[in-house]
PDB file of all heavy atoms in Angstrom:
ATOM      1  N   CYS A   1     -67.407   5.745 -10.339  1.00  0.00           N
ATOM      2  CA  CYS A   1     -67.633   6.152 -11.725  1.00  0.00           C
ATOM      3  C   CYS A   1     -68.825   7.110 -11.824  1.00  0.00           C
ATOM      4  O   CYS A   1     -68.820   8.030 -12.645  1.00  0.00           O
ATOM      5  CB  CYS A   1     -67.828   4.932 -12.614  1.00  0.00           C
ATOM      6  SG  CYS A   1     -69.074   3.748 -12.011  1.00  0.00           S
ATOM      7  N   ARG A   2     -69.816   6.929 -10.978  1.00  0.00           N
ATOM      8  CA  ARG A   2     -70.980   7.811 -10.984  1.00  0.00           C
ATOM      9  C   ARG A   2     -70.573   9.244 -10.642  1.00  0.00           C
ATOM     10  O   ARG A   2     -71.057  10.200 -11.234  1.00  0.00           O
ATOM     11  CB  ARG A   2     -72.027   7.301 -10.008  1.00  0.00           C
ATOM     12  CG  ARG A   2     -73.266   8.189  -9.942  1.00  0.00           C
ATOM     13  CD  ARG A   2     -73.543   8.465  -8.479  1.00  0.00           C
ATOM     14  NE  ARG A   2     -74.664   9.356  -8.332  1.00  0.00           N
ATOM     15  CZ  ARG A   2     -74.534  10.544  -7.739  1.00  0.00           C
ATOM     16  NH1 ARG A   2     -73.385  10.978  -7.306  1.00  0.00           N
ATOM     17  NH2 ARG A   2     -75.587  11.310  -7.587  1.00  0.00           N
ATOM     18  N   HIS A   3     -69.645   9.401  -9.692  1.00  0.00           N
ATOM     19  CA  HIS A   3     -69.166  10.741  -9.342  1.00  0.00           C
ATOM     20  C   HIS A   3     -68.456  11.388 -10.526  1.00  0.00           C
ATOM     21  O   HIS A   3     -68.682  12.569 -10.824  1.00  0.00           O
ATOM     22  CB  HIS A   3     -68.231  10.675  -8.128  1.00  0.00           C
ATOM     23  CG  HIS A   3     -68.914  10.213  -6.885  1.00  0.00           C
ATOM     24  ND1 HIS A   3     -68.678   8.979  -6.332  1.00  0.00           N
ATOM     25  CD2 HIS A   3     -69.852  10.802  -6.118  1.00  0.00           C
ATOM     26  CE1 HIS A   3     -69.432   8.838  -5.256  1.00  0.00           C
ATOM     27  NE2 HIS A   3     -70.155   9.930  -5.106  1.00  0.00           N
ATOM     28  N   PHE A   4     -67.603  10.621 -11.215  1.00  0.00           N
ATOM     29  CA  PHE A   4     -66.926  11.156 -12.393  1.00  0.00           C
ATOM     30  C   PHE A   4     -67.958  11.605 -13.436  1.00  0.00           C
ATOM     31  O   PHE A   4     -67.839  12.679 -14.028  1.00  0.00           O
ATOM     32  CB  PHE A   4     -65.999  10.095 -13.017  1.00  0.00           C
ATOM     33  CG  PHE A   4     -64.680   9.969 -12.331  1.00  0.00           C
ATOM     34  CD1 PHE A   4     -64.529   9.126 -11.240  1.00  0.00           C
ATOM     35  CD2 PHE A   4     -63.577  10.682 -12.778  1.00  0.00           C
ATOM     36  CE1 PHE A   4     -63.311   8.990 -10.607  1.00  0.00           C
ATOM     37  CE2 PHE A   4     -62.345  10.561 -12.151  1.00  0.00           C
ATOM     38  CZ  PHE A   4     -62.209   9.706 -11.060  1.00  0.00           C
ATOM     39  N   ALA A   5     -68.969  10.765 -13.668  1.00  0.00           N
ATOM     40  CA  ALA A   5     -69.973  11.065 -14.698  1.00  0.00           C
ATOM     41  C   ALA A   5     -70.794  12.298 -14.351  1.00  0.00           C
ATOM     42  O   ALA A   5     -71.023  13.164 -15.199  1.00  0.00           O
ATOM     43  CB  ALA A   5     -70.876   9.854 -14.909  1.00  0.00           C
ATOM     44  N   THR A   6     -71.238  12.398 -13.103  1.00  0.00           N
ATOM     45  CA  THR A   6     -72.090  13.535 -12.749  1.00  0.00           C
ATOM     46  C   THR A   6     -71.293  14.838 -12.647  1.00  0.00           C
ATOM     47  O   THR A   6     -71.788  15.892 -13.039  1.00  0.00           O
ATOM     48  CB  THR A   6     -72.856  13.271 -11.430  1.00  0.00           C
ATOM     49  OG1 THR A   6     -71.925  12.960 -10.391  1.00  0.00           O
ATOM     50  CG2 THR A   6     -73.842  12.133 -11.594  1.00  0.00           C
ATOM     51  N   ILE A   7     -70.073  14.763 -12.143  1.00  0.00           N
ATOM     52  CA  ILE A   7     -69.247  15.976 -12.066  1.00  0.00           C
ATOM     53  C   ILE A   7     -68.904  16.472 -13.470  1.00  0.00           C
ATOM     54  O   ILE A   7     -68.999  17.676 -13.759  1.00  0.00           O
ATOM     55  CB  ILE A   7     -67.979  15.731 -11.221  1.00  0.00           C
ATOM     56  CG1 ILE A   7     -68.381  15.580  -9.751  1.00  0.00           C
ATOM     57  CG2 ILE A   7     -66.971  16.855 -11.391  1.00  0.00           C
ATOM     58  CD1 ILE A   7     -67.265  15.084  -8.848  1.00  0.00           C
ATOM     59  N   ALA A   8     -68.522  15.550 -14.352  1.00  0.00           N
ATOM     60  CA  ALA A   8     -68.226  15.944 -15.734  1.00  0.00           C
ATOM     61  C   ALA A   8     -69.452  16.555 -16.397  1.00  0.00           C
ATOM     62  O   ALA A   8     -69.354  17.566 -17.105  1.00  0.00           O
ATOM     63  CB  ALA A   8     -67.719  14.749 -16.536  1.00  0.00           C
ATOM     64  N   SER A   9     -70.623  15.970 -16.148  1.00  0.00           N
ATOM     65  CA  SER A   9     -71.855  16.533 -16.705  1.00  0.00           C
ATOM     66  C   SER A   9     -72.084  17.945 -16.197  1.00  0.00           C
ATOM     67  O   SER A   9     -72.469  18.839 -16.960  1.00  0.00           O
ATOM     68  CB  SER A   9     -73.062  15.655 -16.348  1.00  0.00           C
ATOM     69  OG  SER A   9     -73.000  14.429 -17.018  1.00  0.00           O
ATOM     70  N   GLY A  10     -71.839  18.157 -14.920  1.00  0.00           N
ATOM     71  CA  GLY A  10     -71.990  19.495 -14.345  1.00  0.00           C
ATOM     72  C   GLY A  10     -71.049  20.507 -14.979  1.00  0.00           C
ATOM     73  O   GLY A  10     -71.453  21.628 -15.292  1.00  0.00           O
ATOM     74  N   PHE A  11     -69.794  20.112 -15.180  1.00  0.00           N
ATOM     75  CA  PHE A  11     -68.830  21.011 -15.832  1.00  0.00           C
ATOM     76  C   PHE A  11     -69.268  21.344 -17.252  1.00  0.00           C
ATOM     77  O   PHE A  11     -69.206  22.497 -17.691  1.00  0.00           O
ATOM     78  CB  PHE A  11     -67.436  20.389 -15.867  1.00  0.00           C
ATOM     79  CG  PHE A  11     -66.721  20.359 -14.535  1.00  0.00           C
ATOM     80  CD1 PHE A  11     -65.863  19.314 -14.226  1.00  0.00           C
ATOM     81  CD2 PHE A  11     -66.888  21.359 -13.594  1.00  0.00           C
ATOM     82  CE1 PHE A  11     -65.198  19.278 -13.013  1.00  0.00           C
ATOM     83  CE2 PHE A  11     -66.227  21.334 -12.375  1.00  0.00           C
ATOM     84  CZ  PHE A  11     -65.378  20.288 -12.086  1.00  0.00           C
ATOM     85  N   LEU A  12     -69.698  20.328 -17.991  1.00  0.00           N
ATOM     86  CA  LEU A  12     -70.136  20.558 -19.370  1.00  0.00           C
ATOM     87  C   LEU A  12     -71.362  21.461 -19.418  1.00  0.00           C
ATOM     88  O   LEU A  12     -71.437  22.383 -20.234  1.00  0.00           O
ATOM     89  CB  LEU A  12     -70.406  19.225 -20.068  1.00  0.00           C
ATOM     90  CG  LEU A  12     -69.166  18.397 -20.387  1.00  0.00           C
ATOM     91  CD1 LEU A  12     -69.560  16.951 -20.715  1.00  0.00           C
ATOM     92  CD2 LEU A  12     -68.397  19.011 -21.550  1.00  0.00           C
ATOM     93  N   ARG A  13     -72.324  21.200 -18.547  1.00  0.00           N
ATOM     94  CA  ARG A  13     -73.531  22.036 -18.511  1.00  0.00           C
ATOM     95  C   ARG A  13     -73.183  23.482 -18.178  1.00  0.00           C
ATOM     96  O   ARG A  13     -73.781  24.409 -18.738  1.00  0.00           O
ATOM     97  CB  ARG A  13     -74.527  21.478 -17.492  1.00  0.00           C
ATOM     98  CG  ARG A  13     -75.164  20.176 -17.924  1.00  0.00           C
ATOM     99  CD  ARG A  13     -76.063  19.633 -16.832  1.00  0.00           C
ATOM    100  NE  ARG A  13     -76.469  18.274 -17.131  1.00  0.00           N
ATOM    101  CZ  ARG A  13     -76.897  17.412 -16.226  1.00  0.00           C
ATOM    102  NH1 ARG A  13     -76.989  17.774 -14.947  1.00  0.00           N
ATOM    103  NH2 ARG A  13     -77.247  16.197 -16.575  1.00  0.00           N
ATOM    104  N   ALA A  14     -72.236  23.671 -17.261  1.00  0.00           N
ATOM    105  CA  ALA A  14     -71.816  25.031 -16.890  1.00  0.00           C
ATOM    106  C   ALA A  14     -71.227  25.769 -18.086  1.00  0.00           C
ATOM    107  O   ALA A  14     -71.285  27.001 -18.143  1.00  0.00           O
ATOM    108  CB  ALA A  14     -70.808  24.980 -15.746  1.00  0.00           C
ATOM    109  N   ARG A  15     -70.701  25.029 -19.043  1.00  0.00           N
ATOM    110  CA  ARG A  15     -70.144  25.637 -20.260  1.00  0.00           C
ATOM    111  C   ARG A  15     -71.185  25.699 -21.385  1.00  0.00           C
ATOM    112  O   ARG A  15     -70.858  26.026 -22.520  1.00  0.00           O
ATOM    113  CB  ARG A  15     -68.933  24.850 -20.725  1.00  0.00           C
ATOM    114  CG  ARG A  15     -67.797  24.942 -19.700  1.00  0.00           C
ATOM    115  CD  ARG A  15     -66.547  24.443 -20.253  1.00  0.00           C
ATOM    116  NE  ARG A  15     -66.237  25.266 -21.421  1.00  0.00           N
ATOM    117  CZ  ARG A  15     -65.039  25.586 -21.812  1.00  0.00           C
ATOM    118  NH1 ARG A  15     -64.022  25.168 -21.118  1.00  0.00           N
ATOM    119  NH2 ARG A  15     -64.833  26.302 -22.891  1.00  0.00           N
ATOM    120  N   GLY A  16     -72.434  25.354 -21.068  1.00  0.00           N
ATOM    121  CA  GLY A  16     -73.503  25.430 -22.052  1.00  0.00           C
ATOM    122  C   GLY A  16     -73.592  24.230 -22.981  1.00  0.00           C
ATOM    123  O   GLY A  16     -74.262  24.292 -24.011  1.00  0.00           O
ATOM    124  N   ILE A  17     -72.944  23.135 -22.629  1.00  0.00           N
ATOM    125  CA  ILE A  17     -72.965  21.927 -23.456  1.00  0.00           C
ATOM    126  C   ILE A  17     -73.945  20.934 -22.842  1.00  0.00           C
ATOM    127  O   ILE A  17     -73.757  20.500 -21.700  1.00  0.00           O
ATOM    128  CB  ILE A  17     -71.555  21.301 -23.547  1.00  0.00           C
ATOM    129  CG1 ILE A  17     -70.578  22.296 -24.154  1.00  0.00           C
ATOM    130  CG2 ILE A  17     -71.595  19.999 -24.361  1.00  0.00           C
ATOM    131  CD1 ILE A  17     -69.114  21.881 -24.041  1.00  0.00           C
ATOM    132  N   PRO A  18     -75.002  20.580 -23.557  1.00  0.00           N
ATOM    133  CA  PRO A  18     -75.946  19.589 -23.019  1.00  0.00           C
ATOM    134  C   PRO A  18     -75.207  18.289 -22.694  1.00  0.00           C
ATOM    135  O   PRO A  18     -74.434  17.779 -23.506  1.00  0.00           O
ATOM    136  CB  PRO A  18     -76.946  19.389 -24.155  1.00  0.00           C
ATOM    137  CG  PRO A  18     -76.831  20.622 -24.994  1.00  0.00           C
ATOM    138  CD  PRO A  18     -75.393  21.040 -24.892  1.00  0.00           C
ATOM    139  N   SER A  19     -75.440  17.781 -21.497  1.00  0.00           N
ATOM    140  CA  SER A  19     -74.765  16.558 -21.079  1.00  0.00           C
ATOM    141  C   SER A  19     -75.608  15.840 -20.035  1.00  0.00           C
ATOM    142  O   SER A  19     -76.534  16.412 -19.458  1.00  0.00           O
ATOM    143  CB  SER A  19     -73.381  16.876 -20.516  1.00  0.00           C
ATOM    144  OG  SER A  19     -73.504  17.704 -19.387  1.00  0.00           O
ATOM    145  N   ARG A  20     -75.246  14.574 -19.824  1.00  0.00           N
ATOM    146  CA  ARG A  20     -75.987  13.765 -18.860  1.00  0.00           C
ATOM    147  C   ARG A  20     -75.148  12.565 -18.452  1.00  0.00           C
ATOM    148  O   ARG A  20     -74.271  12.131 -19.182  1.00  0.00           O
ATOM    149  CB  ARG A  20     -77.313  13.323 -19.455  1.00  0.00           C
ATOM    150  CG  ARG A  20     -77.167  12.533 -20.753  1.00  0.00           C
ATOM    151  CD  ARG A  20     -78.454  12.484 -21.506  1.00  0.00           C
ATOM    152  NE  ARG A  20     -78.356  11.610 -22.682  1.00  0.00           N
ATOM    153  CZ  ARG A  20     -79.337  11.401 -23.517  1.00  0.00           C
ATOM    154  NH1 ARG A  20     -80.501  12.007 -23.326  1.00  0.00           N
ATOM    155  NH2 ARG A  20     -79.199  10.594 -24.543  1.00  0.00           N
ATOM    156  N   ALA A  21     -75.443  12.048 -17.277  1.00  0.00           N
ATOM    157  CA  ALA A  21     -74.817  10.817 -16.800  1.00  0.00           C
ATOM    158  C   ALA A  21     -75.666   9.645 -17.274  1.00  0.00           C
ATOM    159  O   ALA A  21     -76.896   9.759 -17.366  1.00  0.00           O
ATOM    160  CB  ALA A  21     -74.726  10.828 -15.278  1.00  0.00           C
ATOM    161  N   ARG A  22     -75.012   8.536 -17.583  1.00  0.00           N
ATOM    162  CA  ARG A  22     -75.720   7.320 -17.997  1.00  0.00           C
ATOM    163  C   ARG A  22     -75.262   6.155 -17.135  1.00  0.00           C
ATOM    164  O   ARG A  22     -74.080   6.008 -16.831  1.00  0.00           O
ATOM    165  CB  ARG A  22     -75.435   6.988 -19.467  1.00  0.00           C
ATOM    166  CG  ARG A  22     -75.882   8.031 -20.474  1.00  0.00           C
ATOM    167  CD  ARG A  22     -77.372   8.355 -20.475  1.00  0.00           C
ATOM    168  NE  ARG A  22     -78.262   7.255 -20.704  1.00  0.00           N
ATOM    169  CZ  ARG A  22     -78.819   6.935 -21.880  1.00  0.00           C
ATOM    170  NH1 ARG A  22     -78.517   7.654 -22.955  1.00  0.00           N
ATOM    171  NH2 ARG A  22     -79.654   5.935 -21.982  1.00  0.00           N
ATOM    172  N   CYS A  23     -76.198   5.323 -16.753  1.00  0.00           N
ATOM    173  CA  CYS A  23     -75.938   4.157 -15.923  1.00  0.00           C
ATOM    174  C   CYS A  23     -76.069   2.896 -16.754  1.00  0.00           C
ATOM    175  O   CYS A  23     -77.042   2.731 -17.482  1.00  0.00           O
ATOM    176  CB  CYS A  23     -76.933   4.121 -14.766  1.00  0.00           C
ATOM    177  SG  CYS A  23     -76.737   2.690 -13.691  1.00  0.00           S
ATOM    178  N   GLY A  24     -75.095   2.016 -16.647  1.00  0.00           N
ATOM    179  CA  GLY A  24     -75.151   0.771 -17.403  1.00  0.00           C
ATOM    180  C   GLY A  24     -73.957  -0.106 -17.115  1.00  0.00           C
ATOM    181  O   GLY A  24     -73.605  -0.329 -15.948  1.00  0.00           O
ATOM    182  N   PHE A  25     -73.304  -0.542 -18.205  1.00  0.00           N
ATOM    183  CA  PHE A  25     -72.241  -1.530 -18.078  1.00  0.00           C
ATOM    184  C   PHE A  25     -71.125  -1.272 -19.079  1.00  0.00           C
ATOM    185  O   PHE A  25     -71.370  -1.145 -20.273  1.00  0.00           O
ATOM    186  CB  PHE A  25     -72.797  -2.935 -18.320  1.00  0.00           C
ATOM    187  CG  PHE A  25     -73.898  -3.301 -17.365  1.00  0.00           C
ATOM    188  CD1 PHE A  25     -75.226  -3.035 -17.685  1.00  0.00           C
ATOM    189  CD2 PHE A  25     -73.599  -3.883 -16.145  1.00  0.00           C
ATOM    190  CE1 PHE A  25     -76.244  -3.356 -16.805  1.00  0.00           C
ATOM    191  CE2 PHE A  25     -74.615  -4.202 -15.254  1.00  0.00           C
ATOM    192  CZ  PHE A  25     -75.939  -3.944 -15.577  1.00  0.00           C
ATOM    193  N   GLY A  26     -69.896  -1.234 -18.567  1.00  0.00           N
ATOM    194  CA  GLY A  26     -68.731  -1.198 -19.434  1.00  0.00           C
ATOM    195  C   GLY A  26     -68.423  -2.623 -19.860  1.00  0.00           C
ATOM    196  O   GLY A  26     -68.379  -3.532 -19.022  1.00  0.00           O
ATOM    197  N   THR A  27     -68.228  -2.821 -21.149  1.00  0.00           N
ATOM    198  CA  THR A  27     -67.951  -4.173 -21.653  1.00  0.00           C
ATOM    199  C   THR A  27     -66.466  -4.384 -21.887  1.00  0.00           C
ATOM    200  O   THR A  27     -66.067  -5.382 -22.470  1.00  0.00           O
ATOM    201  CB  THR A  27     -68.734  -4.427 -22.961  1.00  0.00           C
ATOM    202  OG1 THR A  27     -68.307  -3.466 -23.932  1.00  0.00           O
ATOM    203  CG2 THR A  27     -70.224  -4.333 -22.743  1.00  0.00           C
ATOM    204  N   TYR A  28     -65.650  -3.448 -21.412  1.00  0.00           N
ATOM    205  CA  TYR A  28     -64.223  -3.483 -21.684  1.00  0.00           C
ATOM    206  C   TYR A  28     -63.364  -3.742 -20.448  1.00  0.00           C
ATOM    207  O   TYR A  28     -62.142  -3.703 -20.530  1.00  0.00           O
ATOM    208  CB  TYR A  28     -63.766  -2.179 -22.363  1.00  0.00           C
ATOM    209  CG  TYR A  28     -64.389  -0.911 -21.816  1.00  0.00           C
ATOM    210  CD1 TYR A  28     -63.832  -0.217 -20.758  1.00  0.00           C
ATOM    211  CD2 TYR A  28     -65.552  -0.412 -22.390  1.00  0.00           C
ATOM    212  CE1 TYR A  28     -64.400   0.938 -20.271  1.00  0.00           C
ATOM    213  CE2 TYR A  28     -66.127   0.753 -21.919  1.00  0.00           C
ATOM    214  CZ  TYR A  28     -65.557   1.427 -20.853  1.00  0.00           C
ATOM    215  OH  TYR A  28     -66.130   2.572 -20.385  1.00  0.00           O
ATOM    216  N   PHE A  29     -63.957  -4.037 -19.326  1.00  0.00           N
ATOM    217  CA  PHE A  29     -63.185  -4.287 -18.114  1.00  0.00           C
ATOM    218  C   PHE A  29     -62.844  -5.765 -17.943  1.00  0.00           C
ATOM    219  O   PHE A  29     -61.734  -6.114 -17.579  1.00  0.00           O
ATOM    220  CB  PHE A  29     -63.935  -3.787 -16.877  1.00  0.00           C
ATOM    221  CG  PHE A  29     -64.202  -2.310 -16.895  1.00  0.00           C
ATOM    222  CD1 PHE A  29     -65.493  -1.834 -17.004  1.00  0.00           C
ATOM    223  CD2 PHE A  29     -63.167  -1.396 -16.813  1.00  0.00           C
ATOM    224  CE1 PHE A  29     -65.754  -0.468 -17.017  1.00  0.00           C
ATOM    225  CE2 PHE A  29     -63.409  -0.030 -16.826  1.00  0.00           C
ATOM    226  CZ  PHE A  29     -64.710   0.432 -16.932  1.00  0.00           C
ATOM    227  N   LEU A  30     -63.818  -6.629 -18.164  1.00  0.00           N
ATOM    228  CA  LEU A  30     -63.648  -8.077 -18.070  1.00  0.00           C
ATOM    229  C   LEU A  30     -64.134  -8.712 -19.370  1.00  0.00           C
ATOM    230  O   LEU A  30     -65.216  -8.370 -19.853  1.00  0.00           O
ATOM    231  CB  LEU A  30     -64.463  -8.650 -16.907  1.00  0.00           C
ATOM    232  CG  LEU A  30     -64.080  -8.234 -15.493  1.00  0.00           C
ATOM    233  CD1 LEU A  30     -65.087  -8.777 -14.485  1.00  0.00           C
ATOM    234  CD2 LEU A  30     -62.678  -8.740 -15.156  1.00  0.00           C
ATOM    235  N   GLU A  31     -63.371  -9.634 -19.881  1.00  0.00           N
ATOM    236  CA  GLU A  31     -63.719 -10.275 -21.146  1.00  0.00           C
ATOM    237  C   GLU A  31     -65.095 -10.948 -21.059  1.00  0.00           C
ATOM    238  O   GLU A  31     -65.385 -11.671 -20.107  1.00  0.00           O
ATOM    239  CB  GLU A  31     -62.661 -11.317 -21.517  1.00  0.00           C
ATOM    240  CG  GLU A  31     -62.845 -11.858 -22.913  1.00  0.00           C
ATOM    241  CD  GLU A  31     -61.693 -12.750 -23.345  1.00  0.00           C
ATOM    242  OE1 GLU A  31     -60.618 -12.688 -22.722  1.00  0.00           O
ATOM    243  OE2 GLU A  31     -61.895 -13.494 -24.305  1.00  0.00           O
ATOM    244  N   ASP A  32     -65.927 -10.685 -22.056  1.00  0.00           N
ATOM    245  CA  ASP A  32     -67.272 -11.270 -22.181  1.00  0.00           C
ATOM    246  C   ASP A  32     -68.203 -10.910 -21.029  1.00  0.00           C
ATOM    247  O   ASP A  32     -69.154 -11.636 -20.763  1.00  0.00           O
ATOM    248  CB  ASP A  32     -67.203 -12.794 -22.332  1.00  0.00           C
ATOM    249  CG  ASP A  32     -66.498 -13.215 -23.590  1.00  0.00           C
ATOM    250  OD1 ASP A  32     -66.668 -12.534 -24.630  1.00  0.00           O
ATOM    251  OD2 ASP A  32     -65.773 -14.227 -23.555  1.00  0.00           O
ATOM    252  N   CYS A  33     -67.933  -9.804 -20.332  1.00  0.00           N
ATOM    253  CA  CYS A  33     -68.781  -9.394 -19.215  1.00  0.00           C
ATOM    254  C   CYS A  33     -69.148  -7.922 -19.340  1.00  0.00           C
ATOM    255  O   CYS A  33     -68.418  -7.139 -19.935  1.00  0.00           O
ATOM    256  CB  CYS A  33     -68.055  -9.602 -17.884  1.00  0.00           C
ATOM    257  SG  CYS A  33     -67.798 -11.320 -17.442  1.00  0.00           S
ATOM    258  N   GLY A  34     -70.272  -7.581 -18.755  1.00  0.00           N
ATOM    259  CA  GLY A  34     -70.674  -6.191 -18.615  1.00  0.00           C
ATOM    260  C   GLY A  34     -70.532  -5.806 -17.154  1.00  0.00           C
ATOM    261  O   GLY A  34     -71.184  -6.400 -16.291  1.00  0.00           O
TER     262      GLY A  34
END
């Protein structure tokens, strides 16, 4: 997921759109879990 986030950020930045990767927890993969 980190690769997806950083590559997408790079593509957006190349188009002049401020972007950044964020590290944390998805709460939608497992019920009641991050």
